[in-house]
Amino acid sequence: MSQQPVVADVALDVTLECLDDSGRSHRIDTVLGYTRPDPYAVTMTFLTADEPLTWTFARELLMQGVEASAGEGDVHISPSSNDAGRPIILIMLSSPDGHLLLEAPTDEVTDFLDRTLALVPSGTESPHLDLDDLISQILSV
């Protein structure tokens, strides 16, 4: 599925359902990613025809959104079920360009989260945080 490899300690290739404003469903190849040097975050990289587009948000937000509605600002996540009754995670992304509603299979998201937690358990993130890299990124902007 990946046209360009996403560098991550834990990665999951998943096809998400995207609902447009008219209610039509489109499939989007996506990679969920997690790296130890940025242990508080997960990435969602959309593999588009032009170039990959990556959103980064808190791993904790994704964990909360599997169980109950969570999120403020640009990312909202909540559990639901699809028309066939299968459990899904709804992910709403907002930007100045518009909104995107995505459906992700709950079992695949929870498997991804379990793998990230096996690598870096919740509450043990700070020793893994690469502060030198973070400062370098801030100074290069």
C-alpha atoms as a PDB file:
ATOM      1  CA  MET A   1       0.000   0.000   0.000  1.00  0.00           C
ATOM      2  CA  SER A   2       2.771   2.484   0.877  1.00  0.00           C
ATOM      3  CA  GLN A   3       4.202   4.396  -2.047  1.00  0.00           C
ATOM      4  CA  GLN A   4       6.862   5.932   0.189  1.00  0.00           C
ATOM      5  CA  PRO A   5       8.013   4.217   3.355  1.00  0.00           C
ATOM      6  CA  VAL A   6       6.945   5.889   6.585  1.00  0.00           C
ATOM      7  CA  VAL A   7       9.791   5.661   9.081  1.00  0.00           C
ATOM      8  CA  ALA A   8       8.365   4.512  12.408  1.00  0.00           C
ATOM      9  CA  ASP A   9       9.055   2.075  15.223  1.00  0.00           C
ATOM     10  CA  VAL A  10       5.436   0.951  14.928  1.00  0.00           C
ATOM     11  CA  ALA A  11       3.550   1.371  11.651  1.00  0.00           C
ATOM     12  CA  LEU A  12       0.197   0.177  10.397  1.00  0.00           C
ATOM     13  CA  ASP A  13      -0.945   0.319   6.790  1.00  0.00           C
ATOM     14  CA  VAL A  14      -4.697   0.815   6.891  1.00  0.00           C
ATOM     15  CA  THR A  15      -7.324   1.881   4.407  1.00  0.00           C
ATOM     16  CA  LEU A  16      -9.683   4.431   5.930  1.00  0.00           C
ATOM     17  CA  GLU A  17     -13.145   5.324   4.738  1.00  0.00           C
ATOM     18  CA  CYS A  18     -13.565   9.045   4.120  1.00  0.00           C
ATOM     19  CA  LEU A  19     -17.050  10.522   4.025  1.00  0.00           C
ATOM     20  CA  ASP A  20     -17.468  13.593   1.833  1.00  0.00           C
ATOM     21  CA  ASP A  21     -20.009  16.394   2.362  1.00  0.00           C
ATOM     22  CA  SER A  22     -22.624  14.547   0.286  1.00  0.00           C
ATOM     23  CA  GLY A  23     -22.247  11.380   2.382  1.00  0.00           C
ATOM     24  CA  ARG A  24     -20.345   9.400  -0.273  1.00  0.00           C
ATOM     25  CA  SER A  25     -17.572   7.147   0.941  1.00  0.00           C
ATOM     26  CA  HIS A  26     -14.033   7.168  -0.487  1.00  0.00           C
ATOM     27  CA  ARG A  27     -11.115   4.952   0.514  1.00  0.00           C
ATOM     28  CA  ILE A  28      -7.800   6.514   1.530  1.00  0.00           C
ATOM     29  CA  ASP A  29      -4.609   4.479   1.974  1.00  0.00           C
ATOM     30  CA  THR A  30      -3.071   5.614   5.239  1.00  0.00           C
ATOM     31  CA  VAL A  31      -0.166   4.755   7.525  1.00  0.00           C
ATOM     32  CA  LEU A  32      -0.441   5.148  11.288  1.00  0.00           C
ATOM     33  CA  GLY A  33       3.006   5.695  12.768  1.00  0.00           C
ATOM     34  CA  TYR A  34       4.688   5.875  16.159  1.00  0.00           C
ATOM     35  CA  THR A  35       8.319   6.581  17.012  1.00  0.00           C
ATOM     36  CA  ARG A  36      10.154   6.383  20.334  1.00  0.00           C
ATOM     37  CA  PRO A  37      11.893   9.772  19.925  1.00  0.00           C
ATOM     38  CA  ASP A  38       8.421  11.429  19.799  1.00  0.00           C
ATOM     39  CA  PRO A  39       6.682   9.161  22.333  1.00  0.00           C
ATOM     40  CA  TYR A  40       3.658  11.348  23.031  1.00  0.00           C
ATOM     41  CA  ALA A  41       2.560  11.534  19.386  1.00  0.00           C
ATOM     42  CA  VAL A  42       1.158   9.388  16.610  1.00  0.00           C
ATOM     43  CA  THR A  43       1.135  10.261  12.940  1.00  0.00           C
ATOM     44  CA  MET A  44      -1.505   9.628  10.328  1.00  0.00           C
ATOM     45  CA  THR A  45       0.020   9.806   6.844  1.00  0.00           C
ATOM     46  CA  PHE A  46      -2.380   9.903   3.906  1.00  0.00           C
ATOM     47  CA  LEU A  47      -0.863   8.443   0.753  1.00  0.00           C
ATOM     48  CA  THR A  48      -2.148  10.764  -1.956  1.00  0.00           C
ATOM     49  CA  ALA A  49      -1.395  10.887  -5.667  1.00  0.00           C
ATOM     50  CA  ASP A  50       0.656  14.073  -5.217  1.00  0.00           C
ATOM     51  CA  GLU A  51       2.630  13.526  -2.035  1.00  0.00           C
ATOM     52  CA  PRO A  52       2.012  12.069   1.416  1.00  0.00           C
ATOM     53  CA  LEU A  53       0.152  14.328   3.846  1.00  0.00           C
ATOM     54  CA  THR A  54       0.845  13.786   7.552  1.00  0.00           C
ATOM     55  CA  TRP A  55      -1.200  14.803  10.582  1.00  0.00           C
ATOM     56  CA  THR A  56       0.383  14.485  14.041  1.00  0.00           C
ATOM     57  CA  PHE A  57      -1.613  14.323  17.257  1.00  0.00           C
ATOM     58  CA  ALA A  58      -1.391  12.909  20.781  1.00  0.00           C
ATOM     59  CA  ARG A  59      -1.261   9.157  21.280  1.00  0.00           C
ATOM     60  CA  GLU A  60      -3.294   9.737  24.440  1.00  0.00           C
ATOM     61  CA  LEU A  61      -6.051  11.365  22.347  1.00  0.00           C
ATOM     62  CA  LEU A  62      -6.256   8.286  20.132  1.00  0.00           C
ATOM     63  CA  MET A  63      -6.333   6.013  23.203  1.00  0.00           C
ATOM     64  CA  GLN A  64      -9.141   8.066  24.762  1.00  0.00           C
ATOM     65  CA  GLY A  65     -11.086   8.232  21.490  1.00  0.00           C
ATOM     66  CA  VAL A  66     -11.236   4.443  21.232  1.00  0.00           C
ATOM     67  CA  GLU A  67     -13.293   4.385  24.450  1.00  0.00           C
ATOM     68  CA  ALA A  68     -15.263   7.675  24.392  1.00  0.00           C
ATOM     69  CA  SER A  69     -15.502  10.953  22.487  1.00  0.00           C
ATOM     70  CA  ALA A  70     -12.298  12.920  22.898  1.00  0.00           C
ATOM     71  CA  GLY A  71     -10.576  15.931  21.432  1.00  0.00           C
ATOM     72  CA  GLU A  72     -10.610  19.660  21.157  1.00  0.00           C
ATOM     73  CA  GLY A  73      -9.460  21.836  18.326  1.00  0.00           C
ATOM     74  CA  ASP A  74      -8.357  20.212  15.071  1.00  0.00           C
ATOM     75  CA  VAL A  75      -8.747  16.523  15.982  1.00  0.00           C
ATOM     76  CA  HIS A  76     -11.827  14.791  17.432  1.00  0.00           C
ATOM     77  CA  ILE A  77     -12.038  11.026  17.886  1.00  0.00           C
ATOM     78  CA  SER A  78     -14.936   8.850  19.024  1.00  0.00           C
ATOM     79  CA  PRO A  79     -16.065   5.223  18.967  1.00  0.00           C
ATOM     80  CA  SER A  80     -18.989   4.243  16.750  1.00  0.00           C
ATOM     81  CA  SER A  81     -20.200   1.440  14.497  1.00  0.00           C
ATOM     82  CA  ASN A  82     -20.652   1.324  10.738  1.00  0.00           C
ATOM     83  CA  ASP A  83     -23.779   0.386   8.781  1.00  0.00           C
ATOM     84  CA  ALA A  84     -22.853  -3.309   9.083  1.00  0.00           C
ATOM     85  CA  GLY A  85     -22.634  -2.983  12.887  1.00  0.00           C
ATOM     86  CA  ARG A  86     -18.851  -3.316  13.033  1.00  0.00           C
ATOM     87  CA  PRO A  87     -17.020  -1.177  15.595  1.00  0.00           C
ATOM     88  CA  ILE A  88     -15.182   1.776  14.073  1.00  0.00           C
ATOM     89  CA  ILE A  89     -13.352   4.847  15.255  1.00  0.00           C
ATOM     90  CA  LEU A  90     -14.551   8.164  13.828  1.00  0.00           C
ATOM     91  CA  ILE A  91     -11.764  10.696  13.315  1.00  0.00           C
ATOM     92  CA  MET A  92     -12.688  14.282  12.434  1.00  0.00           C
ATOM     93  CA  LEU A  93      -9.828  16.458  11.203  1.00  0.00           C
ATOM     94  CA  SER A  94     -10.360  20.198  10.810  1.00  0.00           C
ATOM     95  CA  SER A  95      -8.191  22.802   9.146  1.00  0.00           C
ATOM     96  CA  PRO A  96      -8.709  26.202   7.521  1.00  0.00           C
ATOM     97  CA  ASP A  97      -9.167  24.259   4.252  1.00  0.00           C
ATOM     98  CA  GLY A  98     -12.120  22.239   5.586  1.00  0.00           C
ATOM     99  CA  HIS A  99     -13.101  19.143   7.509  1.00  0.00           C
ATOM    100  CA  LEU A 100     -12.464  15.468   6.915  1.00  0.00           C
ATOM    101  CA  LEU A 101     -14.441  12.648   8.558  1.00  0.00           C
ATOM    102  CA  LEU A 102     -12.670   9.298   8.582  1.00  0.00           C
ATOM    103  CA  GLU A 103     -13.741   5.828   9.667  1.00  0.00           C
ATOM    104  CA  ALA A 104     -11.047   3.462  10.964  1.00  0.00           C
ATOM    105  CA  PRO A 105     -11.551  -0.182  11.976  1.00  0.00           C
ATOM    106  CA  THR A 106     -11.468  -0.348  15.783  1.00  0.00           C
ATOM    107  CA  ASP A 107      -9.581  -3.653  15.883  1.00  0.00           C
ATOM    108  CA  GLU A 108      -6.754  -2.314  13.708  1.00  0.00           C
ATOM    109  CA  VAL A 109      -6.457   0.917  15.726  1.00  0.00           C
ATOM    110  CA  THR A 110      -6.413  -0.931  19.060  1.00  0.00           C
ATOM    111  CA  ASP A 111      -3.809  -3.382  17.708  1.00  0.00           C
ATOM    112  CA  PHE A 112      -1.667  -0.405  16.642  1.00  0.00           C
ATOM    113  CA  LEU A 113      -2.066   1.216  20.071  1.00  0.00           C
ATOM    114  CA  ASP A 114      -1.228  -2.044  21.867  1.00  0.00           C
ATOM    115  CA  ARG A 115       1.986  -2.290  19.865  1.00  0.00           C
ATOM    116  CA  THR A 116       2.941   1.321  20.746  1.00  0.00           C
ATOM    117  CA  LEU A 117       2.215   0.655  24.424  1.00  0.00           C
ATOM    118  CA  ALA A 118       4.353  -2.487  24.355  1.00  0.00           C
ATOM    119  CA  LEU A 119       7.211  -0.354  23.020  1.00  0.00           C
ATOM    120  CA  VAL A 120       6.670   2.652  25.325  1.00  0.00           C
ATOM    121  CA  PRO A 121       4.131   2.087  28.113  1.00  0.00           C
ATOM    122  CA  SER A 122       1.888   4.980  29.083  1.00  0.00           C
ATOM    123  CA  GLY A 123       3.592   7.070  31.770  1.00  0.00           C
ATOM    124  CA  THR A 124       7.123   6.152  30.646  1.00  0.00           C
ATOM    125  CA  GLU A 125       7.339   8.466  27.628  1.00  0.00           C
ATOM    126  CA  SER A 126       9.619  11.223  28.928  1.00  0.00           C
ATOM    127  CA  PRO A 127      12.910   9.241  29.008  1.00  0.00           C
ATOM    128  CA  HIS A 128      12.372   8.468  25.310  1.00  0.00           C
ATOM    129  CA  LEU A 129      11.753  12.081  24.262  1.00  0.00           C
ATOM    130  CA  ASP A 130      14.556  13.390  22.034  1.00  0.00           C
ATOM    131  CA  LEU A 131      14.841  16.987  23.289  1.00  0.00           C
ATOM    132  CA  ASP A 132      17.900  17.768  21.153  1.00  0.00           C
ATOM    133  CA  ASP A 133      15.954  16.863  18.012  1.00  0.00           C
ATOM    134  CA  LEU A 134      12.951  18.896  19.175  1.00  0.00           C
ATOM    135  CA  ILE A 135      15.115  21.982  19.808  1.00  0.00           C
ATOM    136  CA  SER A 136      16.796  21.509  16.431  1.00  0.00           C
ATOM    137  CA  GLN A 137      13.384  21.385  14.713  1.00  0.00           C
ATOM    138  CA  ILE A 138      12.230  24.547  16.505  1.00  0.00           C
ATOM    139  CA  LEU A 139      15.393  26.449  15.613  1.00  0.00           C
ATOM    140  CA  SER A 140      15.266  25.414  11.954  1.00  0.00           C
ATOM    141  CA  VAL A 141      11.811  26.927  11.388  1.00  0.00           C
END
